[in-house]
Amino acid sequence: MAKKKQFVLRIDPEKYDALEKWASDEFRSINGQIEWIIDRALKQAGRNKAKNSSDSNE
């Protein structure tokens, strides 16, 4: 598995709560949910050439 970069994300409490609920509904961690959202957005924009797609729920 490729090494992942770490960074600080500042987000307002309402958005965090919404992400937390969404992640829980889909049985993901908040980090996993954010990563899934970013992956989906990159694919939709044609900006990500994913080698191994683990997302089949689109």
PDB file of N, CA and C in Angstrom:
ATOM      1  N   MET A   1       0.832  -1.176   0.000  1.00  0.00           N
ATOM      2  CA  MET A   1       0.000   0.000   0.000  1.00  0.00           C
ATOM      3  C   MET A   1       0.879   1.243   0.000  1.00  0.00           C
ATOM      4  N   ALA A   2       0.478   2.207  -0.807  1.00  0.00           N
ATOM      5  CA  ALA A   2       1.244   3.449  -0.901  1.00  0.00           C
ATOM      6  C   ALA A   2       1.159   4.231   0.400  1.00  0.00           C
ATOM      7  N   LYS A   3       2.236   4.909   0.700  1.00  0.00           N
ATOM      8  CA  LYS A   3       2.260   5.743   1.899  1.00  0.00           C
ATOM      9  C   LYS A   3       1.346   6.944   1.690  1.00  0.00           C
ATOM     10  N   LYS A   4       0.579   7.291   2.703  1.00  0.00           N
ATOM     11  CA  LYS A   4      -0.367   8.398   2.604  1.00  0.00           C
ATOM     12  C   LYS A   4       0.211   9.640   3.258  1.00  0.00           C
ATOM     13  N   LYS A   5      -0.076  10.786   2.649  1.00  0.00           N
ATOM     14  CA  LYS A   5       0.340  12.064   3.222  1.00  0.00           C
ATOM     15  C   LYS A   5      -0.640  12.464   4.312  1.00  0.00           C
ATOM     16  N   GLN A   6      -0.132  13.137   5.313  1.00  0.00           N
ATOM     17  CA  GLN A   6      -0.957  13.636   6.404  1.00  0.00           C
ATOM     18  C   GLN A   6      -1.007  15.155   6.322  1.00  0.00           C
ATOM     19  N   PHE A   7      -2.171  15.708   6.656  1.00  0.00           N
ATOM     20  CA  PHE A   7      -2.308  17.158   6.722  1.00  0.00           C
ATOM     21  C   PHE A   7      -3.445  17.513   7.670  1.00  0.00           C
ATOM     22  N   VAL A   8      -3.449  18.761   8.090  1.00  0.00           N
ATOM     23  CA  VAL A   8      -4.478  19.251   9.009  1.00  0.00           C
ATOM     24  C   VAL A   8      -5.621  19.827   8.177  1.00  0.00           C
ATOM     25  N   LEU A   9      -6.825  19.485   8.545  1.00  0.00           N
ATOM     26  CA  LEU A   9      -8.008  20.017   7.875  1.00  0.00           C
ATOM     27  C   LEU A   9      -8.828  20.788   8.893  1.00  0.00           C
ATOM     28  N   ARG A  10      -9.058  22.041   8.600  1.00  0.00           N
ATOM     29  CA  ARG A  10      -9.902  22.858   9.474  1.00  0.00           C
ATOM     30  C   ARG A  10     -11.289  22.909   8.851  1.00  0.00           C
ATOM     31  N   ILE A  11     -12.287  22.524   9.612  1.00  0.00           N
ATOM     32  CA  ILE A  11     -13.649  22.443   9.094  1.00  0.00           C
ATOM     33  C   ILE A  11     -14.617  22.902  10.177  1.00  0.00           C
ATOM     34  N   ASP A  12     -15.665  23.592   9.762  1.00  0.00           N
ATOM     35  CA  ASP A  12     -16.593  24.085  10.777  1.00  0.00           C
ATOM     36  C   ASP A  12     -17.381  22.918  11.381  1.00  0.00           C
ATOM     37  N   PRO A  13     -17.839  23.089  12.605  1.00  0.00           N
ATOM     38  CA  PRO A  13     -18.495  21.993  13.335  1.00  0.00           C
ATOM     39  C   PRO A  13     -19.723  21.415  12.632  1.00  0.00           C
ATOM     40  N   GLU A  14     -20.497  22.251  11.940  1.00  0.00           N
ATOM     41  CA  GLU A  14     -21.693  21.746  11.259  1.00  0.00           C
ATOM     42  C   GLU A  14     -21.326  20.801  10.120  1.00  0.00           C
ATOM     43  N   LYS A  15     -20.294  21.165   9.353  1.00  0.00           N
ATOM     44  CA  LYS A  15     -19.838  20.280   8.267  1.00  0.00           C
ATOM     45  C   LYS A  15     -19.255  18.989   8.836  1.00  0.00           C
ATOM     46  N   TYR A  16     -18.518  19.120   9.926  1.00  0.00           N
ATOM     47  CA  TYR A  16     -17.944  17.929  10.549  1.00  0.00           C
ATOM     48  C   TYR A  16     -19.050  16.977  11.011  1.00  0.00           C
ATOM     49  N   ASP A  17     -20.072  17.527  11.639  1.00  0.00           N
ATOM     50  CA  ASP A  17     -21.195  16.701  12.099  1.00  0.00           C
ATOM     51  C   ASP A  17     -21.891  16.004  10.937  1.00  0.00           C
ATOM     52  N   ALA A  18     -22.080  16.733   9.822  1.00  0.00           N
ATOM     53  CA  ALA A  18     -22.708  16.141   8.640  1.00  0.00           C
ATOM     54  C   ALA A  18     -21.841  15.020   8.070  1.00  0.00           C
ATOM     55  N   LEU A  19     -20.528  15.244   8.017  1.00  0.00           N
ATOM     56  CA  LEU A  19     -19.607  14.203   7.537  1.00  0.00           C
ATOM     57  C   LEU A  19     -19.617  12.990   8.459  1.00  0.00           C
ATOM     58  N   GLU A  20     -19.646  13.243   9.745  1.00  0.00           N
ATOM     59  CA  GLU A  20     -19.660  12.164  10.728  1.00  0.00           C
ATOM     60  C   GLU A  20     -20.907  11.286  10.555  1.00  0.00           C
ATOM     61  N   LYS A  21     -22.065  11.915  10.355  1.00  0.00           N
ATOM     62  CA  LYS A  21     -23.310  11.174  10.158  1.00  0.00           C
ATOM     63  C   LYS A  21     -23.270  10.383   8.856  1.00  0.00           C
ATOM     64  N   TRP A  22     -22.817  11.029   7.770  1.00  0.00           N
ATOM     65  CA  TRP A  22     -22.734  10.386   6.467  1.00  0.00           C
ATOM     66  C   TRP A  22     -21.792   9.188   6.527  1.00  0.00           C
ATOM     67  N   ALA A  23     -20.633   9.370   7.143  1.00  0.00           N
ATOM     68  CA  ALA A  23     -19.665   8.276   7.274  1.00  0.00           C
ATOM     69  C   ALA A  23     -20.261   7.120   8.073  1.00  0.00           C
ATOM     70  N   SER A  24     -20.928   7.439   9.152  1.00  0.00           N
ATOM     71  CA  SER A  24     -21.552   6.411   9.978  1.00  0.00           C
ATOM     72  C   SER A  24     -22.616   5.654   9.196  1.00  0.00           C
ATOM     73  N   ASP A  25     -23.412   6.365   8.413  1.00  0.00           N
ATOM     74  CA  ASP A  25     -24.454   5.731   7.606  1.00  0.00           C
ATOM     75  C   ASP A  25     -23.881   4.746   6.597  1.00  0.00           C
ATOM     76  N   GLU A  26     -22.654   5.003   6.148  1.00  0.00           N
ATOM     77  CA  GLU A  26     -22.018   4.151   5.138  1.00  0.00           C
ATOM     78  C   GLU A  26     -20.926   3.260   5.737  1.00  0.00           C
ATOM     79  N   PHE A  27     -20.888   3.169   7.060  1.00  0.00           N
ATOM     80  CA  PHE A  27     -19.939   2.313   7.781  1.00  0.00           C
ATOM     81  C   PHE A  27     -18.489   2.614   7.420  1.00  0.00           C
ATOM     82  N   ARG A  28     -18.170   3.908   7.348  1.00  0.00           N
ATOM     83  CA  ARG A  28     -16.805   4.360   7.089  1.00  0.00           C
ATOM     84  C   ARG A  28     -16.350   5.240   8.241  1.00  0.00           C
ATOM     85  N   SER A  29     -15.031   5.381   8.361  1.00  0.00           N
ATOM     86  CA  SER A  29     -14.486   6.396   9.260  1.00  0.00           C
ATOM     87  C   SER A  29     -14.672   7.752   8.590  1.00  0.00           C
ATOM     88  N   ILE A  30     -14.537   8.815   9.362  1.00  0.00           N
ATOM     89  CA  ILE A  30     -14.634  10.147   8.765  1.00  0.00           C
ATOM     90  C   ILE A  30     -13.510  10.337   7.755  1.00  0.00           C
ATOM     91  N   ASN A  31     -12.313   9.895   8.091  1.00  0.00           N
ATOM     92  CA  ASN A  31     -11.191   9.997   7.160  1.00  0.00           C
ATOM     93  C   ASN A  31     -11.490   9.232   5.871  1.00  0.00           C
ATOM     94  N   GLY A  32     -12.018   8.022   6.013  1.00  0.00           N
ATOM     95  CA  GLY A  32     -12.370   7.223   4.841  1.00  0.00           C
ATOM     96  C   GLY A  32     -13.440   7.890   3.998  1.00  0.00           C
ATOM     97  N   GLN A  33     -14.394   8.532   4.645  1.00  0.00           N
ATOM     98  CA  GLN A  33     -15.467   9.218   3.928  1.00  0.00           C
ATOM     99  C   GLN A  33     -14.920  10.408   3.155  1.00  0.00           C
ATOM    100  N   ILE A  34     -14.056  11.193   3.782  1.00  0.00           N
ATOM    101  CA  ILE A  34     -13.448  12.341   3.099  1.00  0.00           C
ATOM    102  C   ILE A  34     -12.633  11.863   1.903  1.00  0.00           C
ATOM    103  N   GLU A  35     -11.869  10.799   2.091  1.00  0.00           N
ATOM    104  CA  GLU A  35     -11.068  10.250   0.999  1.00  0.00           C
ATOM    105  C   GLU A  35     -11.967   9.770  -0.145  1.00  0.00           C
ATOM    106  N   TRP A  36     -13.089   9.122   0.187  1.00  0.00           N
ATOM    107  CA  TRP A  36     -14.038   8.643  -0.825  1.00  0.00           C
ATOM    108  C   TRP A  36     -14.643   9.824  -1.598  1.00  0.00           C
ATOM    109  N   ILE A  37     -15.001  10.897  -0.879  1.00  0.00           N
ATOM    110  CA  ILE A  37     -15.571  12.089  -1.525  1.00  0.00           C
ATOM    111  C   ILE A  37     -14.556  12.704  -2.484  1.00  0.00           C
ATOM    112  N   ILE A  38     -13.317  12.823  -2.041  1.00  0.00           N
ATOM    113  CA  ILE A  38     -12.269  13.402  -2.887  1.00  0.00           C
ATOM    114  C   ILE A  38     -12.014  12.517  -4.100  1.00  0.00           C
ATOM    115  N   ASP A  39     -11.921  11.201  -3.901  1.00  0.00           N
ATOM    116  CA  ASP A  39     -11.709  10.277  -5.018  1.00  0.00           C
ATOM    117  C   ASP A  39     -12.813  10.406  -6.054  1.00  0.00           C
ATOM    118  N   ARG A  40     -14.073  10.446  -5.579  1.00  0.00           N
ATOM    119  CA  ARG A  40     -15.223  10.548  -6.478  1.00  0.00           C
ATOM    120  C   ARG A  40     -15.185  11.864  -7.258  1.00  0.00           C
ATOM    121  N   ALA A  41     -14.865  12.956  -6.568  1.00  0.00           N
ATOM    122  CA  ALA A  41     -14.799  14.261  -7.236  1.00  0.00           C
ATOM    123  C   ALA A  41     -13.687  14.289  -8.287  1.00  0.00           C
ATOM    124  N   LEU A  42     -12.538  13.711  -7.961  1.00  0.00           N
ATOM    125  CA  LEU A  42     -11.429  13.667  -8.922  1.00  0.00           C
ATOM    126  C   LEU A  42     -11.792  12.839 -10.156  1.00  0.00           C
ATOM    127  N   LYS A  43     -12.448  11.705  -9.947  1.00  0.00           N
ATOM    128  CA  LYS A  43     -12.877  10.870 -11.075  1.00  0.00           C
ATOM    129  C   LYS A  43     -13.883  11.604 -11.943  1.00  0.00           C
ATOM    130  N   GLN A  44     -14.870  12.259 -11.322  1.00  0.00           N
ATOM    131  CA  GLN A  44     -15.900  12.976 -12.076  1.00  0.00           C
ATOM    132  C   GLN A  44     -15.315  14.132 -12.874  1.00  0.00           C
ATOM    133  N   ALA A  45     -14.253  14.738 -12.358  1.00  0.00           N
ATOM    134  CA  ALA A  45     -13.602  15.854 -13.043  1.00  0.00           C
ATOM    135  C   ALA A  45     -12.564  15.376 -14.058  1.00  0.00           C
ATOM    136  N   GLY A  46     -12.334  14.068 -14.119  1.00  0.00           N
ATOM    137  CA  GLY A  46     -11.332  13.535 -15.034  1.00  0.00           C
ATOM    138  C   GLY A  46      -9.925  13.879 -14.629  1.00  0.00           C
ATOM    139  N   ARG A  47      -9.713  14.075 -13.343  1.00  0.00           N
ATOM    140  CA  ARG A  47      -8.400  14.481 -12.830  1.00  0.00           C
ATOM    141  C   ARG A  47      -7.627  13.338 -12.194  1.00  0.00           C
ATOM    142  N   ASN A  48      -8.251  12.169 -12.069  1.00  0.00           N
ATOM    143  CA  ASN A  48      -7.593  11.061 -11.379  1.00  0.00           C
ATOM    144  C   ASN A  48      -7.601   9.830 -12.262  1.00  0.00           C
ATOM    145  N   LYS A  49      -6.453   9.335 -12.568  1.00  0.00           N
ATOM    146  CA  LYS A  49      -6.328   8.098 -13.319  1.00  0.00           C
ATOM    147  C   LYS A  49      -6.090   6.975 -12.319  1.00  0.00           C
ATOM    148  N   ALA A  50      -7.161   6.501 -11.690  1.00  0.00           N
ATOM    149  CA  ALA A  50      -7.056   5.474 -10.642  1.00  0.00           C
ATOM    150  C   ALA A  50      -6.568   4.168 -11.238  1.00  0.00           C
ATOM    151  N   LYS A  51      -5.524   3.597 -10.644  1.00  0.00           N
ATOM    152  CA  LYS A  51      -4.994   2.298 -11.071  1.00  0.00           C
ATOM    153  C   LYS A  51      -5.852   1.176 -10.571  1.00  0.00           C
ATOM    154  N   ASN A  52      -6.323   1.322  -9.314  1.00  0.00           N
ATOM    155  CA  ASN A  52      -7.098   0.264  -8.679  1.00  0.00           C
ATOM    156  C   ASN A  52      -8.332   0.888  -8.037  1.00  0.00           C
ATOM    157  N   SER A  53      -9.476   0.727  -8.695  1.00  0.00           N
ATOM    158  CA  SER A  53     -10.698   1.344  -8.175  1.00  0.00           C
ATOM    159  C   SER A  53     -11.365   0.425  -7.166  1.00  0.00           C
ATOM    160  N   SER A  54     -11.458   0.892  -5.921  1.00  0.00           N
ATOM    161  CA  SER A  54     -12.134   0.125  -4.886  1.00  0.00           C
ATOM    162  C   SER A  54     -13.565   0.595  -4.706  1.00  0.00           C
ATOM    163  N   ASP A  55     -13.992   1.567  -5.528  1.00  0.00           N
ATOM    164  CA  ASP A  55     -15.336   2.131  -5.401  1.00  0.00           C
ATOM    165  C   ASP A  55     -16.204   1.627  -6.532  1.00  0.00           C
ATOM    166  N   SER A  56     -17.158   0.784  -6.197  1.00  0.00           N
ATOM    167  CA  SER A  56     -18.077   0.281  -7.210  1.00  0.00           C
ATOM    168  C   SER A  56     -19.499   0.737  -6.946  1.00  0.00           C
ATOM    169  N   ASN A  57     -19.671   1.739  -6.070  1.00  0.00           N
ATOM    170  CA  ASN A  57     -21.006   2.190  -5.687  1.00  0.00           C
ATOM    171  C   ASN A  57     -21.435   3.451  -6.408  1.00  0.00           C
ATOM    172  N   GLU A  58     -20.808   3.802  -7.527  1.00  0.00           N
ATOM    173  CA  GLU A  58     -21.154   5.053  -8.193  1.00  0.00           C
ATOM    174  C   GLU A  58     -22.339   4.917  -9.067  1.00  0.00           C
TER     175      GLU A  58
END
